[in-house]
Amino acid sequence: MADEDQIIETIDENGNLIKFELYDIVEVDEQEYALLLPVDTEEEDDDEAVLMKLSKDGDEYLFETIDDDEEFEKVAAYVENMDDEAEDEE
């Protein structure tokens, strides 16, 4: 059986349905965060990854926005460092 891309659907602040592909899950300070890439973007420039906090409700994962600026910056810096390390290994 082939691995299917994991597609996450969410509603933005304007009530629009947005689909994301789950790119990676990272753990920072014992909290998991999802790195999501937009699917079906109209503009190629709008290919920016989105960070969301993961929480578990029973067997289901919930994706939440990161409201704390300091927390967001810490996770974003961690992801950027991962990218830098991956480039260094090439």
N, C-alpha and C. Protein backbone atom coordinates (compact mmCIF):
# COMPACT_ATOMS: atom_id res chain seq x y z
N MET A 1 0.85 -1.20 0.00
CA MET A 1 0.00 0.00 0.00
C MET A 1 0.89 1.25 0.00
N ALA A 2 0.63 2.15 -0.91
CA ALA A 2 1.44 3.37 -1.03
C ALA A 2 1.05 4.36 0.06
N ASP A 3 2.06 5.10 0.52
CA ASP A 3 1.80 6.15 1.49
C ASP A 3 1.06 7.28 0.79
N GLU A 4 -0.05 7.70 1.37
CA GLU A 4 -0.78 8.83 0.82
C GLU A 4 -0.36 10.08 1.57
N ASP A 5 -0.33 11.21 0.88
CA ASP A 5 -0.05 12.46 1.57
C ASP A 5 -1.14 12.70 2.59
N GLN A 6 -0.75 13.17 3.75
CA GLN A 6 -1.74 13.46 4.78
C GLN A 6 -2.23 14.89 4.60
N ILE A 7 -3.49 15.03 4.26
CA ILE A 7 -4.08 16.34 3.99
C ILE A 7 -4.89 16.78 5.21
N ILE A 8 -4.63 17.99 5.66
CA ILE A 8 -5.32 18.58 6.80
C ILE A 8 -6.20 19.70 6.26
N GLU A 9 -7.46 19.72 6.66
CA GLU A 9 -8.35 20.80 6.23
C GLU A 9 -8.66 21.68 7.44
N THR A 10 -8.61 22.98 7.21
CA THR A 10 -8.91 23.93 8.28
C THR A 10 -9.65 25.13 7.69
N ILE A 11 -10.27 25.89 8.54
CA ILE A 11 -11.02 27.08 8.13
C ILE A 11 -10.24 28.31 8.58
N ASP A 12 -9.99 29.25 7.65
CA ASP A 12 -9.27 30.46 8.04
C ASP A 12 -10.21 31.48 8.68
N GLU A 13 -9.64 32.63 9.05
CA GLU A 13 -10.44 33.64 9.75
C GLU A 13 -11.57 34.22 8.89
N ASN A 14 -11.50 34.01 7.56
CA ASN A 14 -12.55 34.50 6.66
C ASN A 14 -13.58 33.43 6.34
N GLY A 15 -13.46 32.27 6.97
CA GLY A 15 -14.42 31.20 6.72
C GLY A 15 -14.11 30.36 5.49
N ASN A 16 -12.92 30.54 4.90
CA ASN A 16 -12.53 29.77 3.72
C ASN A 16 -11.88 28.46 4.12
N LEU A 17 -12.21 27.39 3.41
CA LEU A 17 -11.60 26.10 3.64
C LEU A 17 -10.20 26.10 3.01
N ILE A 18 -9.21 25.75 3.81
CA ILE A 18 -7.84 25.68 3.32
C ILE A 18 -7.33 24.27 3.56
N LYS A 19 -6.66 23.72 2.55
CA LYS A 19 -6.08 22.39 2.68
C LYS A 19 -4.57 22.51 2.81
N PHE A 20 -4.03 21.74 3.74
CA PHE A 20 -2.59 21.70 3.96
C PHE A 20 -2.11 20.27 3.87
N GLU A 21 -0.89 20.11 3.43
CA GLU A 21 -0.23 18.81 3.47
C GLU A 21 0.64 18.79 4.71
N LEU A 22 0.54 17.72 5.51
CA LEU A 22 1.38 17.57 6.68
C LEU A 22 2.80 17.26 6.22
N TYR A 23 3.70 18.21 6.40
CA TYR A 23 5.07 18.07 5.92
C TYR A 23 5.95 17.38 6.96
N ASP A 24 5.81 17.80 8.22
CA ASP A 24 6.66 17.24 9.26
C ASP A 24 6.05 17.56 10.62
N ILE A 25 6.46 16.79 11.62
CA ILE A 25 6.09 17.08 13.01
C ILE A 25 7.38 17.22 13.78
N VAL A 26 7.51 18.32 14.50
CA VAL A 26 8.70 18.57 15.31
C VAL A 26 8.29 18.69 16.77
N GLU A 27 9.23 18.39 17.65
CA GLU A 27 8.96 18.51 19.08
C GLU A 27 9.90 19.54 19.67
N VAL A 28 9.32 20.53 20.36
CA VAL A 28 10.09 21.57 21.02
C VAL A 28 9.57 21.67 22.44
N ASP A 29 10.45 21.54 23.41
CA ASP A 29 10.07 21.61 24.83
C ASP A 29 8.91 20.68 25.16
N GLU A 30 9.00 19.44 24.67
CA GLU A 30 8.01 18.39 24.92
C GLU A 30 6.62 18.69 24.37
N GLN A 31 6.53 19.64 23.44
CA GLN A 31 5.27 19.96 22.77
C GLN A 31 5.46 19.69 21.28
N GLU A 32 4.49 19.01 20.66
CA GLU A 32 4.61 18.73 19.23
C GLU A 32 3.97 19.84 18.41
N TYR A 33 4.62 20.13 17.28
CA TYR A 33 4.14 21.15 16.34
C TYR A 33 4.13 20.55 14.94
N ALA A 34 3.13 20.93 14.17
CA ALA A 34 3.02 20.44 12.79
C ALA A 34 3.52 21.52 11.84
N LEU A 35 4.28 21.07 10.85
CA LEU A 35 4.73 21.95 9.78
C LEU A 35 3.87 21.61 8.57
N LEU A 36 3.03 22.55 8.16
CA LEU A 36 2.05 22.31 7.11
C LEU A 36 2.38 23.14 5.87
N LEU A 37 2.17 22.54 4.72
CA LEU A 37 2.37 23.25 3.45
C LEU A 37 1.02 23.41 2.75
N PRO A 38 0.70 24.60 2.27
CA PRO A 38 -0.58 24.80 1.59
C PRO A 38 -0.69 23.94 0.33
N VAL A 39 -1.88 23.41 0.09
CA VAL A 39 -2.17 22.64 -1.12
C VAL A 39 -3.08 23.51 -1.99
N ASP A 40 -2.98 23.38 -3.29
CA ASP A 40 -3.84 24.13 -4.21
C ASP A 40 -3.69 25.64 -4.07
N THR A 41 -2.47 26.12 -3.91
CA THR A 41 -2.30 27.58 -3.83
C THR A 41 -2.36 28.15 -5.23
N GLU A 42 -3.05 29.26 -5.35
CA GLU A 42 -3.19 29.92 -6.65
C GLU A 42 -1.86 30.51 -7.10
N GLU A 43 -1.17 31.15 -6.15
CA GLU A 43 0.09 31.81 -6.47
C GLU A 43 1.24 30.97 -5.98
N GLU A 44 2.27 30.87 -6.79
CA GLU A 44 3.43 30.10 -6.39
C GLU A 44 4.19 30.77 -5.26
N ASP A 45 4.09 32.10 -5.16
CA ASP A 45 4.78 32.81 -4.08
C ASP A 45 4.17 32.49 -2.72
N ASP A 46 2.95 32.01 -2.71
CA ASP A 46 2.22 31.78 -1.47
C ASP A 46 2.47 30.35 -0.95
N ASP A 47 3.70 29.89 -1.13
CA ASP A 47 4.04 28.51 -0.77
C ASP A 47 4.73 28.45 0.58
N GLU A 48 4.27 29.29 1.51
CA GLU A 48 4.92 29.39 2.80
C GLU A 48 4.38 28.33 3.76
N ALA A 49 5.28 27.72 4.51
CA ALA A 49 4.87 26.71 5.48
C ALA A 49 4.15 27.38 6.65
N VAL A 50 3.26 26.63 7.27
CA VAL A 50 2.48 27.12 8.40
C VAL A 50 2.81 26.23 9.60
N LEU A 51 3.04 26.87 10.75
CA LEU A 51 3.28 26.13 11.98
C LEU A 51 2.01 26.11 12.81
N MET A 52 1.65 24.93 13.31
CA MET A 52 0.51 24.82 14.20
C MET A 52 0.86 23.91 15.36
N LYS A 53 0.28 24.21 16.52
CA LYS A 53 0.50 23.40 17.71
C LYS A 53 -0.37 22.15 17.61
N LEU A 54 0.20 21.02 17.99
CA LEU A 54 -0.54 19.76 17.99
C LEU A 54 -0.94 19.41 19.41
N SER A 55 -2.20 19.05 19.58
CA SER A 55 -2.62 18.48 20.85
C SER A 55 -3.44 17.25 20.54
N LYS A 56 -3.47 16.35 21.49
CA LYS A 56 -4.14 15.08 21.24
C LYS A 56 -5.43 15.02 22.05
N ASP A 57 -6.52 14.62 21.38
CA ASP A 57 -7.80 14.46 22.03
C ASP A 57 -8.23 13.02 21.78
N GLY A 58 -7.93 12.14 22.74
CA GLY A 58 -8.20 10.73 22.51
C GLY A 58 -7.27 10.22 21.44
N ASP A 59 -7.81 9.67 20.36
CA ASP A 59 -7.00 9.17 19.25
C ASP A 59 -6.80 10.21 18.15
N GLU A 60 -7.41 11.37 18.29
CA GLU A 60 -7.34 12.37 17.23
C GLU A 60 -6.40 13.51 17.61
N TYR A 61 -5.71 14.00 16.59
CA TYR A 61 -4.86 15.17 16.78
C TYR A 61 -5.65 16.43 16.46
N LEU A 62 -5.46 17.46 17.26
CA LEU A 62 -6.07 18.76 17.01
C LEU A 62 -4.96 19.73 16.62
N PHE A 63 -5.23 20.53 15.61
CA PHE A 63 -4.28 21.54 15.15
C PHE A 63 -4.74 22.89 15.66
N GLU A 64 -3.87 23.57 16.39
CA GLU A 64 -4.24 24.86 16.98
C GLU A 64 -3.23 25.92 16.54
N THR A 65 -3.71 27.15 16.40
CA THR A 65 -2.78 28.23 16.08
C THR A 65 -1.92 28.50 17.32
N ILE A 66 -0.72 29.00 17.09
CA ILE A 66 0.18 29.36 18.19
C ILE A 66 -0.05 30.83 18.49
N ASP A 67 -0.72 31.09 19.62
CA ASP A 67 -1.10 32.47 19.96
C ASP A 67 0.04 33.25 20.61
N ASP A 68 0.94 32.55 21.27
CA ASP A 68 2.04 33.19 21.99
C ASP A 68 3.18 33.49 21.02
N ASP A 69 3.50 34.79 20.84
CA ASP A 69 4.55 35.19 19.90
C ASP A 69 5.90 34.58 20.25
N GLU A 70 6.21 34.55 21.54
CA GLU A 70 7.50 34.00 21.99
C GLU A 70 7.59 32.51 21.65
N GLU A 71 6.51 31.79 21.90
CA GLU A 71 6.46 30.36 21.58
C GLU A 71 6.61 30.15 20.07
N PHE A 72 5.91 30.94 19.27
CA PHE A 72 5.99 30.83 17.82
C PHE A 72 7.42 31.07 17.34
N GLU A 73 8.07 32.13 17.85
CA GLU A 73 9.43 32.45 17.44
C GLU A 73 10.39 31.31 17.77
N LYS A 74 10.20 30.70 18.94
CA LYS A 74 11.07 29.60 19.36
C LYS A 74 10.94 28.41 18.41
N VAL A 75 9.71 28.07 18.04
CA VAL A 75 9.47 26.93 17.15
C VAL A 75 9.97 27.27 15.74
N ALA A 76 9.71 28.48 15.27
CA ALA A 76 10.17 28.90 13.94
C ALA A 76 11.70 28.84 13.86
N ALA A 77 12.38 29.29 14.92
CA ALA A 77 13.84 29.25 14.95
C ALA A 77 14.33 27.80 14.92
N TYR A 78 13.65 26.92 15.63
CA TYR A 78 14.01 25.50 15.64
C TYR A 78 13.90 24.90 14.24
N VAL A 79 12.80 25.21 13.56
CA VAL A 79 12.58 24.69 12.20
C VAL A 79 13.63 25.25 11.24
N GLU A 80 13.95 26.53 11.37
CA GLU A 80 14.98 27.14 10.51
C GLU A 80 16.33 26.48 10.75
N ASN A 81 16.65 26.17 12.00
CA ASN A 81 17.91 25.49 12.32
C ASN A 81 17.94 24.10 11.72
N MET A 82 16.80 23.42 11.70
CA MET A 82 16.72 22.09 11.07
C MET A 82 17.06 22.22 9.58
N ASP A 83 16.50 23.23 8.93
CA ASP A 83 16.77 23.46 7.50
C ASP A 83 18.25 23.74 7.27
N ASP A 84 18.85 24.56 8.14
CA ASP A 84 20.27 24.87 7.99
C ASP A 84 21.13 23.63 8.15
N GLU A 85 20.80 22.78 9.14
CA GLU A 85 21.56 21.55 9.36
C GLU A 85 21.42 20.61 8.17
N ALA A 86 20.24 20.52 7.59
CA ALA A 86 20.02 19.66 6.44
C ALA A 86 20.86 20.13 5.25
N GLU A 87 20.96 21.45 5.08
CA GLU A 87 21.78 21.99 3.98
C GLU A 87 23.26 21.74 4.24
N ASP A 88 23.69 21.81 5.51
CA ASP A 88 25.09 21.57 5.85
C ASP A 88 25.50 20.13 5.56
N GLU A 89 24.55 19.19 5.69
CA GLU A 89 24.85 17.78 5.47
C GLU A 89 25.01 17.43 4.00
N GLU A 90 24.49 18.26 3.10
CA GLU A 90 24.56 17.96 1.66
C GLU A 90 25.94 18.17 1.09
